[in-house]
């Protein structure tokens, strides 16, 4: 490619593995350096084992406040294992063992002094398939706060959570209806509202749009971009277009190792590792 064509390509945007990256995705260096990043999670020298199998090896990574961090990589690479580590969901897996430090605002979440239930209240989780409770729409959201001693106005809390999840206008006249009466996309937004109602600091998403149609997927993506104003979001996705569209930071995992972690635009337009370029251009995965 000659310099003229190269400059034209960079100006108009780059197409990587079928992902069209417009020029507005690439922020100026000055803007990057001027932005102050606050760390929510600090992961240092993290090794994760299932019995003798090492699922995560020597991981060092930060999660930043009020940003969307996307975790990408082929199946079985360790990204979901890492995600579940952030709210101690892996504790339920036999023979799970962790070495190193996972710090949430400076506190080691695996310290013996830390209550894992408290961590799960601070770090909410939404799974791949919508999993509403077999209860009314209202109770799906109100149940958790009520059990955990919420003393405020539950009606206001439910409405706020539904407003934040872009679902209020669609369900406000049928709050007593079963959650199962909602469409798949609506059920997933209900699950997000349920997580929001617990007033967490961080929202973890494990492929939240994998089972949804394109229209529902678009609504969830718009919702996540809006939610990062109030929450730090970490999302596992196999959809590279999704990572490019909504991610502020992107981490590539491969065979249990963190290969690259940087601003999303850099990962997709100028990766530092050849393995990253091979993955995002579809040479494997």
Protein backbone atom coordinates (compact mmCIF):
# COMPACT_ATOMS: atom_id res chain seq x y z
CA UNK A 1 0.00 0.00 0.00
CA UNK A 2 1.47 3.39 -0.98
CA UNK A 3 1.51 6.28 1.48
CA UNK A 4 -1.40 8.02 -0.21
CA UNK A 5 -3.66 4.99 0.00
CA UNK A 6 -2.45 4.23 3.52
CA UNK A 7 -3.30 7.73 4.73
CA UNK A 8 -6.70 7.54 3.05
CA UNK A 9 -7.40 4.20 4.74
CA UNK A 10 -6.43 5.53 8.15
CA UNK A 11 -8.60 8.61 7.68
CA UNK A 12 -11.71 6.72 6.64
CA UNK A 13 -11.29 3.88 9.11
CA UNK A 14 -9.91 0.37 9.04
CA UNK A 15 -11.70 -2.87 8.32
CA UNK A 16 -10.37 -5.66 10.54
CA UNK A 17 -11.76 -9.13 10.04
CA UNK A 18 -15.00 -7.68 8.73
CA UNK A 19 -15.23 -5.09 11.53
CA UNK A 20 -15.51 -1.57 10.18
CA UNK A 21 -13.69 0.75 12.56
CA UNK A 22 -14.59 4.36 11.85
CA UNK A 23 -12.05 7.07 12.49
CA UNK A 24 -14.03 8.42 15.44
CA UNK A 25 -13.18 5.19 17.33
CA UNK A 26 -9.58 6.35 17.54
CA UNK A 27 -9.17 9.03 20.19
CA UNK A 28 -6.27 11.44 20.08
CA UNK A 29 -3.24 10.70 22.22
CA UNK A 30 -3.81 13.95 24.07
CA UNK A 31 -7.34 12.90 25.02
CA UNK A 32 -6.11 9.54 26.25
CA UNK A 33 -3.42 11.02 28.47
CA UNK A 34 -5.73 13.71 29.82
CA UNK A 35 -8.34 11.18 30.96
CA UNK A 36 -7.97 10.17 34.59
CA UNK A 37 -8.60 6.48 35.13
CA UNK A 38 -9.71 5.14 38.50
CA UNK A 39 -9.06 1.49 39.25
CA UNK A 40 -11.84 -0.73 40.57
CA UNK A 41 -10.14 -4.13 40.39
CA UNK A 42 -6.41 -4.81 40.56
CA UNK A 43 -5.37 -8.35 39.68
CA UNK A 44 -1.77 -9.25 40.46
CA UNK A 45 0.05 -12.53 39.78
CA UNK A 46 -3.25 -14.40 39.58
CA UNK A 47 -3.13 -18.15 38.93
CA UNK A 48 -6.35 -20.15 38.94
CA UNK A 49 -6.57 -23.92 39.20
CA UNK A 50 -9.29 -26.54 38.89
CA UNK A 51 -7.58 -29.39 40.71
CA UNK A 52 -4.24 -29.73 38.86
CA UNK A 53 -5.40 -27.89 35.74
CA UNK A 54 -4.19 -24.28 35.51
CA UNK A 55 -7.02 -22.28 33.93
CA UNK A 56 -5.43 -18.82 34.37
CA UNK A 57 -1.69 -18.23 34.42
CA UNK A 58 0.20 -15.22 35.85
CA UNK A 59 -2.51 -12.67 35.14
CA UNK A 60 -1.90 -8.97 35.82
CA UNK A 61 -4.75 -6.67 34.87
CA UNK A 62 -6.75 -3.67 36.07
CA UNK A 63 -10.47 -2.98 35.65
CA UNK A 64 -11.33 0.71 35.47
CA UNK A 65 -14.21 2.60 37.02
CA UNK A 66 -17.19 3.49 34.82
CA UNK A 67 -15.70 1.88 31.74
CA UNK A 68 -16.76 -1.15 29.69
CA UNK A 69 -14.06 -3.82 29.65
CA UNK A 70 -14.62 -6.56 27.08
CA UNK A 71 -12.99 -9.98 27.43
CA UNK A 72 -12.45 -11.76 24.13
CA UNK A 73 -10.79 -14.98 23.00
CA UNK A 74 -11.64 -18.46 21.71
CA UNK A 75 -13.74 -20.90 23.73
CA UNK A 76 -11.94 -22.38 26.70
CA UNK A 77 -9.35 -19.59 26.90
CA UNK A 78 -10.14 -18.58 30.50
CA UNK A 79 -12.18 -15.41 30.05
CA UNK A 80 -15.33 -16.71 31.80
CA UNK A 81 -13.20 -18.21 34.56
CA UNK A 82 -11.65 -14.81 35.12
CA UNK A 83 -15.04 -13.08 35.03
CA UNK A 84 -16.50 -15.42 37.68
CA UNK A 85 -13.43 -14.85 39.83
CA UNK A 86 -14.32 -11.17 40.19
CA UNK A 87 -17.38 -11.96 42.32
CA UNK A 88 -16.24 -15.29 43.74
CA UNK A 89 -18.70 -17.37 41.75
CA UNK A 90 -15.91 -19.91 41.22
CA UNK A 91 -16.11 -20.74 44.92
CA UNK A 92 -18.99 -23.07 44.03
CA UNK A 93 -16.78 -25.19 41.74
CA UNK A 94 -15.08 -28.22 43.27
CA UNK A 95 -11.28 -28.07 43.47
CA UNK A 96 -11.16 -24.38 42.55
CA UNK A 97 -8.01 -22.73 43.88
CA UNK A 98 -6.53 -19.29 43.39
CA UNK A 99 -3.09 -17.80 43.96
CA UNK A 100 -2.23 -14.10 43.85
CA UNK A 101 -4.32 -11.05 44.69
CA UNK A 102 -7.65 -9.79 43.37
CA UNK A 103 -8.23 -6.38 44.95
CA UNK A 104 -11.56 -4.53 44.89
CA UNK A 105 -10.83 -0.92 45.79
CA UNK A 106 -7.68 -2.14 47.49
CA UNK A 107 -9.25 -4.97 49.50
CA UNK A 108 -8.36 -8.60 48.69
CA UNK A 109 -11.69 -10.26 47.90
CA UNK A 110 -10.23 -13.70 48.69
CA UNK A 111 -9.10 -12.73 52.17
CA UNK A 112 -10.47 -14.98 54.92
CA UNK A 113 -11.86 -11.83 56.53
CA UNK A 114 -14.05 -11.09 53.51
CA UNK A 115 -17.61 -12.41 53.24
CA UNK A 116 -18.14 -13.72 49.67
CA UNK A 117 -21.85 -12.84 49.91
CA UNK A 118 -20.90 -9.21 50.42
CA UNK A 119 -18.65 -9.37 47.34
CA UNK A 120 -21.52 -10.73 45.25
CA UNK A 121 -23.72 -7.87 46.43
CA UNK A 122 -21.07 -5.35 45.38
CA UNK A 123 -20.34 -7.12 42.10
CA UNK A 124 -23.51 -8.12 40.26
CA UNK A 125 -23.70 -10.75 37.52
CA UNK A 126 -25.85 -11.32 34.43
CA UNK A 127 -25.58 -14.66 32.64
CA UNK A 128 -25.72 -15.73 29.00
CA UNK A 129 -29.30 -16.99 29.05
CA UNK A 130 -32.00 -14.90 30.75
CA UNK A 131 -32.87 -16.52 34.09
CA UNK A 132 -35.81 -14.65 35.63
CA UNK A 133 -37.36 -16.00 38.80
CA UNK A 134 -40.75 -17.77 38.43
CA UNK A 135 -42.40 -14.71 39.92
CA UNK A 136 -43.94 -11.45 38.80
CA UNK A 137 -41.93 -8.76 37.05
CA UNK A 138 -42.11 -6.63 40.20
CA UNK A 139 -41.00 -9.44 42.51
CA UNK A 140 -38.06 -10.33 40.27
CA UNK A 141 -36.57 -6.97 41.16
CA UNK A 142 -37.92 -6.42 44.67
CA UNK A 143 -37.09 -9.84 46.10
CA UNK A 144 -33.33 -9.42 46.44
CA UNK A 145 -33.37 -6.01 48.10
CA UNK A 146 -36.17 -7.13 50.44
CA UNK A 147 -34.27 -10.24 51.55
CA UNK A 148 -31.13 -8.17 52.11
CA UNK A 149 -32.89 -5.69 54.38
CA UNK A 150 -33.64 -2.79 52.06
CA UNK A 151 -35.68 -0.25 54.05
CA UNK A 152 -36.48 2.27 51.33
CA UNK A 153 -39.46 2.51 49.02
CA UNK A 154 -39.52 -0.70 46.99
CA UNK A 155 -41.89 0.77 44.42
CA UNK A 156 -39.42 3.55 43.70
CA UNK A 157 -36.49 1.12 43.62
CA UNK A 158 -38.24 -1.18 41.14
CA UNK A 159 -39.21 1.71 38.89
CA UNK A 160 -35.70 3.15 38.95
CA UNK A 161 -34.15 -0.22 38.08
CA UNK A 162 -36.60 -0.71 35.21
CA UNK A 163 -35.99 2.83 33.97
CA UNK A 164 -32.23 2.26 33.98
CA UNK A 165 -32.66 -0.99 32.08
CA UNK A 166 -34.83 0.64 29.37
CA UNK A 167 -37.73 -1.61 30.31
CA UNK A 168 -40.11 0.58 32.32
CA UNK A 169 -42.23 1.84 29.41
CA UNK A 170 -42.75 -1.72 28.20
CA UNK A 171 -43.82 -3.26 31.52
CA UNK A 172 -45.13 -0.45 33.76
CA UNK A 173 -48.74 -1.53 33.22
CA UNK A 174 -48.14 -5.23 33.88
CA UNK A 175 -45.79 -5.42 36.86
CA UNK A 176 -47.86 -8.23 38.38
CA UNK A 177 -47.54 -10.39 35.24
CA UNK A 178 -45.16 -13.34 35.19
CA UNK A 179 -41.61 -12.55 34.11
CA UNK A 180 -41.93 -15.51 31.75
CA UNK A 181 -44.50 -13.55 29.72
CA UNK A 182 -41.70 -11.29 28.48
CA UNK A 183 -39.67 -11.85 25.32
CA UNK A 184 -36.10 -13.12 25.56
CA UNK A 185 -34.63 -9.66 25.15
CA UNK A 186 -37.01 -8.21 27.72
CA UNK A 187 -36.17 -11.01 30.15
CA UNK A 188 -32.46 -10.23 29.80
CA UNK A 189 -33.10 -6.55 30.50
CA UNK A 190 -35.18 -7.63 33.49
CA UNK A 191 -32.20 -9.62 34.77
CA UNK A 192 -30.04 -6.52 34.33
CA UNK A 193 -32.64 -4.49 36.25
CA UNK A 194 -32.59 -7.14 38.98
CA UNK A 195 -28.82 -6.77 39.26
CA UNK A 196 -29.05 -2.96 39.28
CA UNK A 197 -31.62 -3.04 42.10
CA UNK A 198 -28.96 -4.51 44.38
CA UNK A 199 -26.99 -1.29 43.87
CA UNK A 200 -23.68 -2.91 42.95
CA UNK A 201 -20.43 -1.16 42.10
CA UNK A 202 -19.60 -3.47 39.20
CA UNK A 203 -21.73 -5.37 36.69
CA UNK A 204 -20.36 -8.59 35.20
CA UNK A 205 -21.90 -9.85 31.96
CA UNK A 206 -21.21 -13.36 30.63
CA UNK A 207 -22.17 -13.20 26.94
CA UNK A 208 -25.45 -11.42 27.76
CA UNK A 209 -26.59 -11.19 24.12
CA UNK A 210 -25.45 -14.59 22.83
CA UNK A 211 -28.99 -16.00 22.76
CA UNK A 212 -30.71 -12.82 21.55
CA UNK A 213 -31.79 -11.55 18.14
CA UNK A 214 -30.02 -8.54 16.55
CA UNK A 215 -32.65 -6.02 17.63
CA UNK A 216 -32.54 -7.17 21.27
CA UNK A 217 -28.75 -7.26 21.10
CA UNK A 218 -28.68 -3.64 19.94
CA UNK A 219 -30.92 -2.60 22.83
CA UNK A 220 -28.67 -4.36 25.35
CA UNK A 221 -25.58 -2.72 23.88
CA UNK A 222 -27.18 0.73 24.04
CA UNK A 223 -28.17 -0.03 27.62
CA UNK A 224 -24.64 -1.03 28.64
CA UNK A 225 -23.17 2.15 27.16
CA UNK A 226 -25.67 4.14 29.23
CA UNK A 227 -25.07 2.08 32.38
CA UNK A 228 -21.33 2.77 32.40
CA UNK A 229 -22.18 6.29 33.55
CA UNK A 230 -22.98 4.73 36.94
CA UNK A 231 -21.30 1.30 36.93
CA UNK A 232 -18.10 -0.40 35.90
CA UNK A 233 -19.00 -3.10 33.36
CA UNK A 234 -17.02 -6.23 32.46
CA UNK A 235 -18.40 -8.31 29.61
CA UNK A 236 -17.34 -11.63 28.09
CA UNK A 237 -18.19 -11.75 24.40
CA UNK A 238 -17.39 -13.91 21.38
CA UNK A 239 -18.73 -11.13 19.17
CA UNK A 240 -15.75 -9.06 18.04
CA UNK A 241 -18.03 -6.47 16.46
CA UNK A 242 -19.71 -6.05 19.84
CA UNK A 243 -16.38 -5.59 21.60
CA UNK A 244 -15.36 -2.97 19.03
CA UNK A 245 -18.70 -1.15 19.31
CA UNK A 246 -19.06 -0.83 23.06
CA UNK A 247 -15.71 -1.60 24.71
CA UNK A 248 -13.51 1.06 26.24
CA UNK A 249 -10.87 -1.54 27.06
CA UNK A 250 -10.42 -5.00 25.61
CA UNK A 251 -8.49 -8.01 26.90
CA UNK A 252 -7.58 -10.98 24.72
CA UNK A 253 -7.23 -14.32 26.50
CA UNK A 254 -5.66 -17.41 24.93
CA UNK A 255 -4.97 -20.75 26.59
CA UNK A 256 -5.32 -19.28 30.07
CA UNK A 257 -3.02 -16.34 29.45
CA UNK A 258 -3.76 -12.65 29.04
CA UNK A 259 -2.22 -11.92 25.65
CA UNK A 260 -3.06 -8.25 25.32
CA UNK A 261 -4.97 -5.62 27.29
CA UNK A 262 -5.37 -2.08 26.08
CA UNK A 263 -7.80 0.52 24.83
CA UNK A 264 -10.26 -1.16 22.50
CA UNK A 265 -9.34 1.02 19.54
CA UNK A 266 -5.68 0.06 19.95
CA UNK A 267 -6.40 -3.65 20.22
CA UNK A 268 -8.42 -3.55 17.00
CA UNK A 269 -6.38 -1.06 14.97
CA UNK A 270 -2.81 -1.45 16.22
CA UNK A 271 -2.39 -4.57 18.38
CA UNK A 272 1.01 -5.06 19.96
CA UNK A 273 0.92 -8.87 19.67
CA UNK A 274 0.76 -10.86 16.44
CA UNK A 275 -1.53 -13.36 18.15
CA UNK A 276 -4.03 -10.54 18.75
CA UNK A 277 -3.95 -9.51 15.10
CA UNK A 278 -4.36 -13.14 14.01
CA UNK A 279 -7.41 -13.53 16.25
CA UNK A 280 -9.22 -10.33 15.32
CA UNK A 281 -8.59 -10.91 11.60
CA UNK A 282 -10.06 -14.41 11.82
CA UNK A 283 -6.96 -16.49 11.30
CA UNK A 284 -8.01 -18.64 14.25
CA UNK A 285 -10.74 -18.83 16.89
